C-alpha atoms as a PDB file:
ATOM      1  CA  MET A   1     -67.863  14.516 -42.302  1.00  0.00           C
ATOM      2  CA  GLY A   2     -64.692  13.328 -43.974  1.00  0.00           C
ATOM      3  CA  ASP A   3     -63.094  14.844 -47.023  1.00  0.00           C
ATOM      4  CA  GLU A   4     -66.107  14.414 -49.311  1.00  0.00           C
ATOM      5  CA  ILE A   5     -68.937  16.887 -49.436  1.00  0.00           C
ATOM      6  CA  ASN A   6     -71.965  15.926 -47.388  1.00  0.00           C
ATOM      7  CA  ASN A   7     -74.737  15.941 -49.996  1.00  0.00           C
ATOM      8  CA  GLU A   8     -77.492  16.937 -47.589  1.00  0.00           C
ATOM      9  CA  HIS A   9     -75.389  19.719 -46.160  1.00  0.00           C
ATOM     10  CA  ASP A  10     -74.377  20.877 -49.631  1.00  0.00           C
ATOM     11  CA  LEU A  11     -77.938  20.901 -50.894  1.00  0.00           C
ATOM     12  CA  GLY A  12     -79.153  22.603 -47.736  1.00  0.00           C
ATOM     13  CA  TYR A  13     -76.743  25.545 -48.110  1.00  0.00           C
ATOM     14  CA  LYS A  14     -77.410  25.792 -51.860  1.00  0.00           C
ATOM     15  CA  SER A  15     -81.135  25.875 -51.192  1.00  0.00           C
ATOM     16  CA  ILE A  16     -80.738  28.626 -48.549  1.00  0.00           C
ATOM     17  CA  LEU A  17     -78.458  30.853 -50.703  1.00  0.00           C
ATOM     18  CA  SER A  18     -80.362  30.223 -53.917  1.00  0.00           C
ATOM     19  CA  ASN A  19     -83.110  32.368 -52.467  1.00  0.00           C
ATOM     20  CA  LYS A  20     -82.218  35.903 -53.623  1.00  0.00           C
ATOM     21  CA  LYS A  21     -83.450  37.610 -50.484  1.00  0.00           C
ATOM     22  CA  ASN A  22     -81.242  35.260 -48.384  1.00  0.00           C
ATOM     23  CA  PHE A  23     -78.232  35.880 -50.559  1.00  0.00           C
ATOM     24  CA  ILE A  24     -78.599  39.639 -50.344  1.00  0.00           C
ATOM     25  CA  GLU A  25     -79.007  39.400 -46.565  1.00  0.00           C
ATOM     26  CA  PHE A  26     -75.815  37.287 -46.473  1.00  0.00           C
ATOM     27  CA  MET A  27     -73.866  39.881 -48.474  1.00  0.00           C
ATOM     28  CA  ARG A  28     -75.175  42.877 -46.530  1.00  0.00           C
ATOM     29  CA  SER A  29     -74.684  41.233 -43.134  1.00  0.00           C
ATOM     30  CA  PHE A  30     -71.209  39.779 -43.600  1.00  0.00           C
ATOM     31  CA  VAL A  31     -69.401  41.669 -46.384  1.00  0.00           C
ATOM     32  CA  LYS A  32     -67.986  44.891 -44.944  1.00  0.00           C
ATOM     33  CA  LYS A  33     -67.893  46.781 -48.278  1.00  0.00           C
ATOM     34  CA  ASP A  34     -69.798  49.855 -49.462  1.00  0.00           C
ATOM     35  CA  TRP A  35     -70.769  48.257 -52.771  1.00  0.00           C
ATOM     36  CA  VAL A  36     -73.033  45.667 -51.146  1.00  0.00           C
ATOM     37  CA  ASP A  37     -75.624  48.364 -50.495  1.00  0.00           C
ATOM     38  CA  VAL A  38     -76.358  48.730 -54.232  1.00  0.00           C
ATOM     39  CA  ILE A  39     -77.198  45.026 -54.669  1.00  0.00           C
ATOM     40  CA  ASN A  40     -80.940  44.370 -54.612  1.00  0.00           C
ATOM     41  CA  GLU A  41     -83.439  41.797 -55.914  1.00  0.00           C
ATOM     42  CA  ASP A  42     -84.083  43.822 -59.093  1.00  0.00           C
ATOM     43  CA  ASN A  43     -80.480  43.881 -60.316  1.00  0.00           C
ATOM     44  CA  ILE A  44     -79.283  40.408 -59.382  1.00  0.00           C
ATOM     45  CA  VAL A  45     -80.051  36.999 -60.892  1.00  0.00           C
ATOM     46  CA  LEU A  46     -79.046  33.452 -59.997  1.00  0.00           C
ATOM     47  CA  ILE A  47     -77.162  31.749 -62.876  1.00  0.00           C
ATOM     48  CA  ASP A  48     -78.246  28.139 -63.273  1.00  0.00           C
ATOM     49  CA  LYS A  49     -74.819  26.731 -64.152  1.00  0.00           C
ATOM     50  CA  GLU A  50     -72.253  24.569 -62.446  1.00  0.00           C
ATOM     51  CA  PHE A  51     -68.621  24.551 -63.485  1.00  0.00           C
ATOM     52  CA  ILE A  52     -67.481  21.080 -62.559  1.00  0.00           C
ATOM     53  CA  LEU A  53     -63.733  20.738 -63.264  1.00  0.00           C
ATOM     54  CA  GLU A  54     -62.291  17.303 -63.850  1.00  0.00           C
ATOM     55  CA  ASP A  55     -59.679  17.748 -61.084  1.00  0.00           C
ATOM     56  CA  PHE A  56     -62.268  18.761 -58.466  1.00  0.00           C
ATOM     57  CA  LYS A  57     -65.385  16.723 -59.333  1.00  0.00           C
ATOM     58  CA  GLU A  58     -65.846  15.304 -55.796  1.00  0.00           C
ATOM     59  CA  GLU A  59     -65.383  18.706 -54.172  1.00  0.00           C
ATOM     60  CA  GLU A  60     -67.394  20.994 -56.447  1.00  0.00           C
ATOM     61  CA  ALA A  61     -70.340  22.791 -54.948  1.00  0.00           C
ATOM     62  CA  ASP A  62     -71.040  26.332 -56.043  1.00  0.00           C
ATOM     63  CA  LEU A  63     -73.475  29.154 -56.681  1.00  0.00           C
ATOM     64  CA  ILE A  64     -73.203  31.904 -59.236  1.00  0.00           C
ATOM     65  CA  TYR A  65     -75.038  35.242 -59.153  1.00  0.00           C
ATOM     66  CA  LYS A  66     -74.800  37.967 -61.764  1.00  0.00           C
ATOM     67  CA  ALA A  67     -75.580  41.529 -60.821  1.00  0.00           C
ATOM     68  CA  ASN A  68     -75.850  44.605 -63.018  1.00  0.00           C
ATOM     69  CA  ILE A  69     -74.586  47.538 -61.033  1.00  0.00           C
ATOM     70  CA  GLU A  70     -74.551  50.962 -62.704  1.00  0.00           C
ATOM     71  CA  GLY A  71     -74.655  49.317 -66.117  1.00  0.00           C
ATOM     72  CA  ARG A  72     -71.759  46.907 -65.394  1.00  0.00           C
ATOM     73  CA  ASP A  73     -72.033  43.173 -65.042  1.00  0.00           C
ATOM     74  CA  ILE A  74     -70.562  41.713 -61.825  1.00  0.00           C
ATOM     75  CA  ILE A  75     -70.435  37.991 -61.006  1.00  0.00           C
ATOM     76  CA  PHE A  76     -70.437  36.650 -57.471  1.00  0.00           C
ATOM     77  CA  TYR A  77     -68.976  33.123 -57.400  1.00  0.00           C
ATOM     78  CA  VAL A  78     -69.671  31.294 -54.164  1.00  0.00           C
ATOM     79  CA  LEU A  79     -67.783  28.085 -53.447  1.00  0.00           C
ATOM     80  CA  LEU A  80     -69.300  26.005 -50.659  1.00  0.00           C
ATOM     81  CA  GLU A  81     -66.411  24.297 -48.867  1.00  0.00           C
ATOM     82  CA  LEU A  82     -68.365  21.887 -46.682  1.00  0.00           C
ATOM     83  CA  GLN A  83     -65.467  19.621 -45.730  1.00  0.00           C
ATOM     84  CA  SER A  84     -63.701  18.853 -42.476  1.00  0.00           C
ATOM     85  CA  LYS A  85     -60.248  19.674 -43.771  1.00  0.00           C
ATOM     86  CA  VAL A  86     -58.767  22.881 -45.299  1.00  0.00           C
ATOM     87  CA  ASP A  87     -57.961  22.584 -48.982  1.00  0.00           C
ATOM     88  CA  PHE A  88     -54.687  24.424 -49.530  1.00  0.00           C
ATOM     89  CA  ARG A  89     -55.370  24.352 -53.305  1.00  0.00           C
ATOM     90  CA  MET A  90     -58.236  26.781 -52.859  1.00  0.00           C
ATOM     91  CA  PRO A  91     -56.640  29.702 -54.751  1.00  0.00           C
ATOM     92  CA  ILE A  92     -55.907  27.403 -57.674  1.00  0.00           C
ATOM     93  CA  ARG A  93     -59.430  25.979 -57.687  1.00  0.00           C
ATOM     94  CA  LEU A  94     -60.928  29.472 -57.661  1.00  0.00           C
ATOM     95  CA  LEU A  95     -58.768  30.661 -60.498  1.00  0.00           C
ATOM     96  CA  MET A  96     -59.779  27.652 -62.591  1.00  0.00           C
ATOM     97  CA  TYR A  97     -63.476  28.214 -61.883  1.00  0.00           C
ATOM     98  CA  MET A  98     -63.193  31.905 -62.626  1.00  0.00           C
ATOM     99  CA  THR A  99     -61.446  31.149 -65.897  1.00  0.00           C
ATOM    100  CA  GLU A 100     -64.277  28.797 -66.837  1.00  0.00           C
ATOM    101  CA  ILE A 101     -66.854  31.474 -66.086  1.00  0.00           C
ATOM    102  CA  TRP A 102     -65.020  33.977 -68.294  1.00  0.00           C
ATOM    103  CA  ARG A 103     -64.652  31.382 -71.041  1.00  0.00           C
ATOM    104  CA  ASP A 104     -68.394  30.801 -70.907  1.00  0.00           C
ATOM    105  CA  GLU A 105     -69.016  34.564 -71.065  1.00  0.00           C
ATOM    106  CA  LEU A 106     -66.839  34.869 -74.132  1.00  0.00           C
ATOM    107  CA  ASN A 107     -68.485  31.861 -75.863  1.00  0.00           C
ATOM    108  CA  ASN A 108     -71.895  33.486 -75.350  1.00  0.00           C
ATOM    109  CA  THR A 109     -70.874  36.952 -76.584  1.00  0.00           C
ATOM    110  CA  GLU A 110     -71.171  37.954 -80.179  1.00  0.00           C
ATOM    111  CA  ASN A 111     -67.818  38.107 -82.005  1.00  0.00           C
ATOM    112  CA  ASN A 112     -68.234  41.656 -83.227  1.00  0.00           C
ATOM    113  CA  LEU A 113     -68.967  42.824 -79.644  1.00  0.00           C
ATOM    114  CA  LYS A 114     -66.092  41.126 -77.877  1.00  0.00           C
ATOM    115  CA  LYS A 115     -63.612  42.429 -80.447  1.00  0.00           C
ATOM    116  CA  LYS A 116     -64.430  46.030 -79.656  1.00  0.00           C
ATOM    117  CA  LYS A 117     -61.977  48.080 -77.546  1.00  0.00           C
ATOM    118  CA  GLU A 118     -64.633  48.976 -74.955  1.00  0.00           C
ATOM    119  CA  TYR A 119     -65.607  45.304 -74.325  1.00  0.00           C
ATOM    120  CA  LYS A 120     -64.885  44.205 -70.773  1.00  0.00           C
ATOM    121  CA  LEU A 121     -65.316  40.859 -69.048  1.00  0.00           C
ATOM    122  CA  PRO A 122     -67.468  40.947 -65.929  1.00  0.00           C
ATOM    123  CA  ALA A 123     -65.606  41.304 -62.659  1.00  0.00           C
ATOM    124  CA  ILE A 124     -65.826  38.129 -60.555  1.00  0.00           C
ATOM    125  CA  ILE A 125     -65.946  38.302 -56.735  1.00  0.00           C
ATOM    126  CA  PRO A 126     -64.805  34.931 -55.393  1.00  0.00           C
ATOM    127  CA  ILE A 127     -66.386  33.845 -52.133  1.00  0.00           C
ATOM    128  CA  VAL A 128     -65.626  30.779 -50.006  1.00  0.00           C
ATOM    129  CA  LEU A 129     -68.107  29.579 -47.375  1.00  0.00           C
ATOM    130  CA  TYR A 130     -66.406  27.060 -45.040  1.00  0.00           C
ATOM    131  CA  ASN A 131     -67.911  25.135 -42.081  1.00  0.00           C
ATOM    132  CA  GLY A 132     -65.049  22.786 -41.142  1.00  0.00           C
ATOM    133  CA  LYS A 133     -63.933  22.222 -37.556  1.00  0.00           C
ATOM    134  CA  ASN A 134     -60.314  23.267 -38.202  1.00  0.00           C
ATOM    135  CA  ASN A 135     -59.142  26.883 -38.570  1.00  0.00           C
ATOM    136  CA  TRP A 136     -58.858  28.042 -42.201  1.00  0.00           C
ATOM    137  CA  THR A 137     -55.107  28.222 -42.905  1.00  0.00           C
ATOM    138  CA  ALA A 138     -55.033  28.326 -46.736  1.00  0.00           C
ATOM    139  CA  VAL A 139     -53.630  31.560 -48.188  1.00  0.00           C
ATOM    140  CA  ARG A 140     -56.196  34.186 -49.216  1.00  0.00           C
ATOM    141  CA  ASN A 141     -54.204  35.926 -51.966  1.00  0.00           C
ATOM    142  CA  PHE A 142     -53.571  33.960 -55.137  1.00  0.00           C
ATOM    143  CA  LYS A 143     -50.054  35.353 -55.630  1.00  0.00           C
ATOM    144  CA  GLU A 144     -48.937  33.764 -52.344  1.00  0.00           C
ATOM    145  CA  ILE A 145     -48.960  30.318 -53.973  1.00  0.00           C
ATOM    146  CA  LEU A 146     -46.634  31.530 -56.752  1.00  0.00           C
ATOM    147  CA  SER A 147     -42.931  30.904 -56.239  1.00  0.00           C
ATOM    148  CA  GLY A 148     -40.972  34.185 -56.338  1.00  0.00           C
ATOM    149  CA  HIS A 149     -44.084  36.408 -56.487  1.00  0.00           C
ATOM    150  CA  GLU A 150     -42.383  38.987 -54.257  1.00  0.00           C
ATOM    151  CA  LEU A 151     -39.786  39.575 -57.014  1.00  0.00           C
ATOM    152  CA  PHE A 152     -42.290  40.523 -59.649  1.00  0.00           C
ATOM    153  CA  GLU A 153     -44.809  42.594 -57.662  1.00  0.00           C
ATOM    154  CA  ASP A 154     -47.742  43.549 -59.886  1.00  0.00           C
ATOM    155  CA  ASN A 155     -46.536  41.550 -62.906  1.00  0.00           C
ATOM    156  CA  VAL A 156     -48.115  38.305 -61.617  1.00  0.00           C
ATOM    157  CA  VAL A 157     -51.767  37.342 -61.466  1.00  0.00           C
ATOM    158  CA  ASP A 158     -53.425  38.073 -58.174  1.00  0.00           C
ATOM    159  CA  PHE A 159     -56.825  38.233 -56.466  1.00  0.00           C
ATOM    160  CA  ARG A 160     -58.091  37.902 -52.914  1.00  0.00           C
ATOM    161  CA  TYR A 161     -61.203  35.849 -52.133  1.00  0.00           C
ATOM    162  CA  LEU A 162     -63.761  36.581 -49.412  1.00  0.00           C
ATOM    163  CA  LEU A 163     -63.783  33.870 -46.704  1.00  0.00           C
ATOM    164  CA  PHE A 164     -66.616  33.079 -44.305  1.00  0.00           C
ATOM    165  CA  ASP A 165     -65.530  30.606 -41.657  1.00  0.00           C
ATOM    166  CA  VAL A 166     -68.795  29.517 -39.982  1.00  0.00           C
ATOM    167  CA  ASN A 167     -67.350  27.899 -36.870  1.00  0.00           C
ATOM    168  CA  ARG A 168     -65.174  30.913 -36.077  1.00  0.00           C
ATOM    169  CA  MET A 169     -68.003  33.428 -36.302  1.00  0.00           C
ATOM    170  CA  ASP A 170     -68.863  35.188 -33.056  1.00  0.00           C
ATOM    171  CA  LYS A 171     -72.089  33.894 -31.456  1.00  0.00           C
ATOM    172  CA  ASN A 172     -73.167  37.262 -30.111  1.00  0.00           C
ATOM    173  CA  GLU A 173     -72.601  38.985 -33.487  1.00  0.00           C
ATOM    174  CA  LEU A 174     -74.784  36.324 -35.180  1.00  0.00           C
ATOM    175  CA  ILE A 175     -77.515  36.868 -32.583  1.00  0.00           C
ATOM    176  CA  ASP A 176     -77.321  40.631 -33.121  1.00  0.00           C
ATOM    177  CA  ILE A 177     -77.705  40.248 -36.892  1.00  0.00           C
ATOM    178  CA  ALA A 178     -80.811  38.150 -36.287  1.00  0.00           C
ATOM    179  CA  ASN A 179     -81.800  37.106 -39.789  1.00  0.00           C
ATOM    180  CA  VAL A 180     -82.158  33.861 -41.800  1.00  0.00           C
ATOM    181  CA  ILE A 181     -78.504  33.593 -42.713  1.00  0.00           C
ATOM    182  CA  SER A 182     -77.144  34.380 -39.247  1.00  0.00           C
ATOM    183  CA  SER A 183     -79.625  31.799 -37.939  1.00  0.00           C
ATOM    184  CA  VAL A 184     -78.224  29.179 -40.299  1.00  0.00           C
ATOM    185  CA  PHE A 185     -74.665  29.925 -39.222  1.00  0.00           C
ATOM    186  CA  LEU A 186     -75.705  29.919 -35.532  1.00  0.00           C
ATOM    187  CA  LEU A 187     -77.265  26.458 -35.825  1.00  0.00           C
ATOM    188  CA  ASP A 188     -74.488  25.044 -38.028  1.00  0.00           C
ATOM    189  CA  GLN A 189     -71.732  25.743 -35.521  1.00  0.00           C
ATOM    190  CA  LYS A 190     -70.414  22.689 -33.695  1.00  0.00           C
ATOM    191  CA  VAL A 191     -71.965  22.963 -30.163  1.00  0.00           C
ATOM    192  CA  GLU A 192     -73.349  20.633 -27.546  1.00  0.00           C
ATOM    193  CA  ILE A 193     -76.994  19.527 -27.820  1.00  0.00           C
ATOM    194  CA  GLU A 194     -78.143  21.764 -24.898  1.00  0.00           C
ATOM    195  CA  GLU A 195     -76.571  24.831 -26.538  1.00  0.00           C
ATOM    196  CA  LEU A 196     -78.130  23.853 -29.875  1.00  0.00           C
ATOM    197  CA  VAL A 197     -81.561  23.733 -28.263  1.00  0.00           C
ATOM    198  CA  ASN A 198     -81.067  27.190 -26.729  1.00  0.00           C
ATOM    199  CA  ARG A 199     -80.102  28.550 -30.098  1.00  0.00           C
ATOM    200  CA  LEU A 200     -83.146  27.007 -31.720  1.00  0.00           C
ATOM    201  CA  LYS A 201     -85.370  28.994 -29.347  1.00  0.00           C
ATOM    202  CA  LEU A 202     -83.587  32.226 -30.276  1.00  0.00           C
ATOM    203  CA  VAL A 203     -83.709  31.443 -33.960  1.00  0.00           C
ATOM    204  CA  GLY A 204     -87.441  30.782 -33.805  1.00  0.00           C
ATOM    205  CA  LYS A 205     -87.918  34.409 -32.751  1.00  0.00           C
ATOM    206  CA  PHE A 206     -85.774  35.691 -35.647  1.00  0.00           C
ATOM    207  CA  ILE A 207     -87.662  33.688 -38.242  1.00  0.00           C
ATOM    208  CA  LYS A 208     -91.059  34.590 -36.810  1.00  0.00           C
ATOM    209  CA  SER A 209     -90.354  38.324 -36.837  1.00  0.00           C
ATOM    210  CA  LYS A 210     -88.165  38.836 -39.909  1.00  0.00           C
ATOM    211  CA  ALA A 211     -88.460  36.040 -42.468  1.00  0.00           C
ATOM    212  CA  SER A 212     -90.849  35.990 -45.379  1.00  0.00           C
ATOM    213  CA  LYS A 213     -93.026  32.914 -45.896  1.00  0.00           C
ATOM    214  CA  GLU A 214     -90.731  31.779 -48.696  1.00  0.00           C
ATOM    215  CA  GLN A 215     -87.655  32.225 -46.517  1.00  0.00           C
ATOM    216  CA  GLU A 216     -89.316  30.367 -43.675  1.00  0.00           C
ATOM    217  CA  LYS A 217     -90.188  27.453 -45.965  1.00  0.00           C
ATOM    218  CA  VAL A 218     -86.585  27.195 -47.174  1.00  0.00           C
ATOM    219  CA  PHE A 219     -85.266  27.478 -43.647  1.00  0.00           C
ATOM    220  CA  LYS A 220     -87.519  24.663 -42.392  1.00  0.00           C
ATOM    221  CA  GLY A 221     -86.211  22.442 -45.178  1.00  0.00           C
ATOM    222  CA  TRP A 222     -82.634  23.223 -44.120  1.00  0.00           C
ATOM    223  CA  ILE A 223     -83.462  22.327 -40.522  1.00  0.00           C
ATOM    224  CA  LEU A 224     -84.969  18.963 -41.528  1.00  0.00           C
ATOM    225  CA  ASN A 225     -81.882  18.000 -43.502  1.00  0.00           C
ATOM    226  CA  ILE A 226     -79.231  19.249 -41.140  1.00  0.00           C
ATOM    227  CA  LEU A 227     -80.640  18.377 -37.706  1.00  0.00           C
ATOM    228  CA  LYS A 228     -81.260  14.789 -38.736  1.00  0.00           C
ATOM    229  CA  LYS A 229     -77.553  14.572 -39.425  1.00  0.00           C
ATOM    230  CA  ARG A 230     -76.477  16.501 -36.333  1.00  0.00           C
ATOM    231  CA  LEU A 231     -78.586  14.334 -34.020  1.00  0.00           C
ATOM    232  CA  GLU A 232     -77.654  10.967 -35.478  1.00  0.00           C
ATOM    233  CA  ASP A 233     -75.879   9.932 -32.258  1.00  0.00           C
ATOM    234  CA  GLU A 234     -78.908  10.818 -30.184  1.00  0.00           C
ATOM    235  CA  ASN A 235     -82.349   9.261 -30.690  1.00  0.00           C
ATOM    236  CA  LYS A 236     -82.072   9.675 -34.435  1.00  0.00           C
ATOM    237  CA  GLU A 237     -85.207   7.830 -35.520  1.00  0.00           C
ATOM    238  CA  ASP A 238     -87.444   9.563 -32.946  1.00  0.00           C
ATOM    239  CA  ILE A 239     -86.050  13.020 -33.718  1.00  0.00           C
ATOM    240  CA  ALA A 240     -86.435  12.406 -37.483  1.00  0.00           C
ATOM    241  CA  LYS A 241     -90.134  11.565 -37.013  1.00  0.00           C
ATOM    242  CA  VAL A 242     -90.662  14.622 -34.830  1.00  0.00           C
ATOM    243  CA  LEU A 243     -88.973  16.876 -37.353  1.00  0.00           C
ATOM    244  CA  ILE A 244     -91.166  15.655 -40.177  1.00  0.00           C
ATOM    245  CA  GLN A 245     -94.361  15.944 -38.091  1.00  0.00           C
ATOM    246  CA  ILE A 246     -93.506  19.495 -37.026  1.00  0.00           C
ATOM    247  CA  SER A 247     -92.585  20.602 -40.538  1.00  0.00           C
ATOM    248  CA  GLU A 248     -96.080  19.661 -41.718  1.00  0.00           C
ATOM    249  CA  LYS A 249     -97.731  21.896 -39.095  1.00  0.00           C
ATOM    250  CA  GLU A 250     -98.530  25.575 -39.557  1.00  0.00           C
ATOM    251  CA  GLY A 251     -97.496  28.122 -37.004  1.00  0.00           C
ATOM    252  CA  ASP A 252     -94.674  30.573 -36.366  1.00  0.00           C
ATOM    253  CA  ASP A 253     -93.548  28.865 -33.163  1.00  0.00           C
ATOM    254  CA  MET A 254     -92.539  25.629 -34.872  1.00  0.00           C
ATOM    255  CA  ILE A 255     -88.784  26.284 -34.741  1.00  0.00           C
ATOM    256  CA  SER A 256     -88.808  27.452 -31.096  1.00  0.00           C
ATOM    257  CA  ASN A 257     -90.972  24.475 -30.044  1.00  0.00           C
ATOM    258  CA  LEU A 258     -88.580  22.142 -31.820  1.00  0.00           C
ATOM    259  CA  GLY A 259     -85.990  22.779 -29.111  1.00  0.00           C
ATOM    260  CA  ASP A 260     -88.425  21.754 -26.376  1.00  0.00           C
ATOM    261  CA  THR A 261     -89.373  18.676 -28.388  1.00  0.00           C
ATOM    262  CA  ILE A 262     -85.754  17.598 -28.754  1.00  0.00           C
ATOM    263  CA  ILE A 263     -85.093  18.016 -25.012  1.00  0.00           C
ATOM    264  CA  LYS A 264     -88.288  16.095 -24.187  1.00  0.00           C
ATOM    265  CA  GLY A 265     -87.196  13.238 -26.521  1.00  0.00           C
ATOM    266  CA  LEU A 266     -83.701  13.140 -24.976  1.00  0.00           C
ATOM    267  CA  GLU A 267     -85.115  13.137 -21.451  1.00  0.00           C
ATOM    268  CA  GLU A 268     -87.479  10.289 -22.395  1.00  0.00           C
ATOM    269  CA  ARG A 269     -84.582   8.363 -23.857  1.00  0.00           C
ATOM    270  CA  GLU A 270     -82.570   8.896 -20.665  1.00  0.00           C
ATOM    271  CA  LYS A 271     -85.556   7.743 -18.565  1.00  0.00           C
ATOM    272  CA  ILE A 272     -85.885   4.580 -20.650  1.00  0.00           C
ATOM    273  CA  GLY A 273     -82.148   3.945 -20.344  1.00  0.00           C
ATOM    274  CA  ILE A 274     -82.303   4.239 -16.545  1.00  0.00           C
ATOM    275  CA  GLU A 275     -85.305   1.846 -16.405  1.00  0.00           C
ATOM    276  CA  LYS A 276     -83.501  -0.673 -18.557  1.00  0.00           C
ATOM    277  CA  GLY A 277     -80.474  -0.397 -16.279  1.00  0.00           C
ATOM    278  CA  ILE A 278     -82.573  -1.068 -13.150  1.00  0.00           C
ATOM    279  CA  GLU A 279     -84.230  -4.015 -14.790  1.00  0.00           C
ATOM    280  CA  LYS A 280     -80.806  -5.410 -15.711  1.00  0.00           C
ATOM    281  CA  ILE A 281     -79.833  -5.229 -12.024  1.00  0.00           C
ATOM    282  CA  ALA A 282     -83.017  -7.162 -11.162  1.00  0.00           C
ATOM    283  CA  VAL A 283     -82.192  -9.806 -13.751  1.00  0.00           C
ATOM    284  CA  ASN A 284     -78.690 -10.278 -12.358  1.00  0.00           C
ATOM    285  CA  MET A 285     -79.987 -10.535  -8.800  1.00  0.00           C
ATOM    286  CA  LEU A 286     -82.588 -13.148  -9.826  1.00  0.00           C
ATOM    287  CA  LYS A 287     -79.932 -15.186 -11.590  1.00  0.00           C
ATOM    288  CA  ARG A 288     -77.835 -14.963  -8.431  1.00  0.00           C
ATOM    289  CA  GLY A 289     -80.762 -16.366  -6.415  1.00  0.00           C
ATOM    290  CA  ASP A 290     -81.530 -13.228  -4.382  1.00  0.00           C
ATOM    291  CA  SER A 291     -84.997 -12.992  -2.842  1.00  0.00           C
ATOM    292  CA  ILE A 292     -87.712 -10.794  -4.332  1.00  0.00           C
ATOM    293  CA  GLU A 293     -87.776  -8.779  -1.137  1.00  0.00           C
ATOM    294  CA  ASP A 294     -84.078  -7.963  -1.500  1.00  0.00           C
ATOM    295  CA  ILE A 295     -84.546  -7.002  -5.139  1.00  0.00           C
ATOM    296  CA  ILE A 296     -87.420  -4.679  -4.247  1.00  0.00           C
ATOM    297  CA  GLU A 297     -85.275  -2.980  -1.633  1.00  0.00           C
ATOM    298  CA  ILE A 298     -82.329  -2.437  -4.069  1.00  0.00           C
ATOM    299  CA  THR A 299     -84.178  -1.564  -7.292  1.00  0.00           C
ATOM    300  CA  GLU A 300     -87.470  -0.135  -5.924  1.00  0.00           C
ATOM    301  CA  LEU A 301     -89.317  -2.059  -8.626  1.00  0.00           C
ATOM    302  CA  SER A 302     -92.769  -3.336  -7.845  1.00  0.00           C
ATOM    303  CA  TYR A 303     -93.402  -6.920  -6.771  1.00  0.00           C
ATOM    304  CA  GLU A 304     -95.462  -7.530  -9.899  1.00  0.00           C
ATOM    305  CA  ARG A 305     -92.693  -6.216 -12.194  1.00  0.00           C
ATOM    306  CA  ILE A 306     -90.036  -8.436 -10.581  1.00  0.00           C
ATOM    307  CA  VAL A 307     -92.293 -11.490 -10.888  1.00  0.00           C
ATOM    308  CA  ASP A 308     -92.856 -10.610 -14.537  1.00  0.00           C
ATOM    309  CA  ILE A 309     -89.110 -10.420 -15.122  1.00  0.00           C
ATOM    310  CA  LYS A 310     -88.638 -13.719 -13.283  1.00  0.00           C
ATOM    311  CA  ASN A 311     -91.261 -15.448 -15.424  1.00  0.00           C
ATOM    312  CA  LYS A 312     -89.560 -14.210 -18.611  1.00  0.00           C
ATOM    313  CA  LEU A 313     -86.286 -15.614 -17.372  1.00  0.00           C
ATOM    314  CA  LEU A 314     -87.833 -19.017 -16.646  1.00  0.00           C
ATOM    315  CA  ASN A 315     -89.420 -19.103 -20.146  1.00  0.00           C
END
């Protein structure tokens, strides 16, 4: 994928997590904190803003949700780190984004209100979603990038971000969770094509039984974007056509059937490759002057097919 964000991947994840039901499922399934239980669709809203900092323009991809929990505003800032390499500047990036969010909050708050003693900025929960192939080795606590932080204890700025490392998530745990978000993570992990197909069949059952129509629609869009990229080294054009055709059909078994369709396409491609290889042997034998009878014995091609190949060579 390189160091730059893959636009299709970026938009795919943003589309999935911009659905409030998906975001809440994500938080409840993967954040092991008591406070996630009080987040619901009635007290959370997606903020339509992007804080693109000059130093990180090529890397920026984020989502911002604001929740009102027990009368207090809380902001969930999700940074989508869809790159192949770990960015060791992550704590710095997050602090800069968080500062921009607070600056925006202050600019949109009446002066007389923000001057009051009881005025408080919303708490920001920083979240990093990473799907790179390498282990995440950047520090999680901000203070750890500060020289001499151990000397000053609680007198230095500090926070700890939540990290979700997709490729290090346990397959069985994702299967047990069995919802839209776990399905996305399950399919986004770097696995061989046969394993991907097996997972597609499992995921089809999750989506059929648990996803709303809106979630299913968003999920299908994600599959169209991501699988075209994942299968580019296979029969890319054929798979792309199949994906588009299937996405236009109605029916809950679409996702499960997609796995069978991919396998069928790959088998057909392999068959064509074998046939081409056999025909190449026949061509070489004809050029060498071997008899048609000998070619039939070696290649098992029909007499008519070998004559056809011979005529094409002569022409």
